[in-house]
Amino acid sequence: MATNGKQHSSARSAAQAKSAARGSSSTPANRRRPSPAVYRRRRQVVFGGLLLVIALVVVGVLALTGLFAGSPEPQAVNTPAPTQAPTQGSAPSVAASPSASPSPVCDFNLMTVAAKTDKPAYGPDEKPLLTMTITNGNAAPCEVNVGTSQMEYVVMSGSDRIFSSKDCQTGGVDLVKTIQPGKSETANFPWQRNRSLEGCGVINAKPGAGGAYYTFEARLGNKASPKAVFQLN
């Protein structure tokens, strides 16, 4: 019986030892887990470390890029020089062009028409020579139609229309001439001391004599001269 008691005692001791061993092994399992705040701080530390590493890598790459990109700069600065030289060379011609005066242009308002007779007075058997003078008052040459299609010689006695070279003109002719600046063209018409009507109507009356005064007006297109005065005896 004593032997059995010892065996029971040994069995309890072994059971207690196993229980103690289980208790000791369960202690780490029941230890408290870290709080969410701790996890967040750990993640922030890890994320901050990654950012620092990335920043270092980027700085390194930029530094290497600057080294390799920096070497060609002197060539890039020097290359525009040849292209600028022609531009500077052409600058005087561009600057000079505005100062060049434009070519003068013919202004027909500066063309003048004058009338004169070859004598101030005529005897009974003399016939007046009527002269038209066209003068270019421009600084440039002018092309002017000085044909009979544009010219007219008109003789008046006061308000009485005595004669016109167009009354019996069968057909006008164009004659374009270039008149240089300050130069003139002249055209003469010998008047037969006769009267005329528009359309070349028949008229037997003749201009008076005995010292009567007449005026001659020269016309070219829409331009008319001042009147020249002469006397028929």
Foldseek 3Di string as FASTA:
>chain_A
DVVVVVVVVVVVVVVVVVVVVVVVVCVVVPDDDDDVVVVVVVVVVVVVVVVVVVVVVVVVVVVVVCVVVVPCVVVVVPVCVVVVVVVVVCVVVVVVVVVDDDDWDADCVQKAKAWDWPDQEDEQQDWIKIKIKIWGQGQAKDKAWPWQVFKKKWKFQVPRTFAIPQQPDPDIDTDIDIAGHGGMDMDIDTDPQHGADHVRDDDDDGDDAPWGKMWMWMTGHPHIHPIYIHTHD
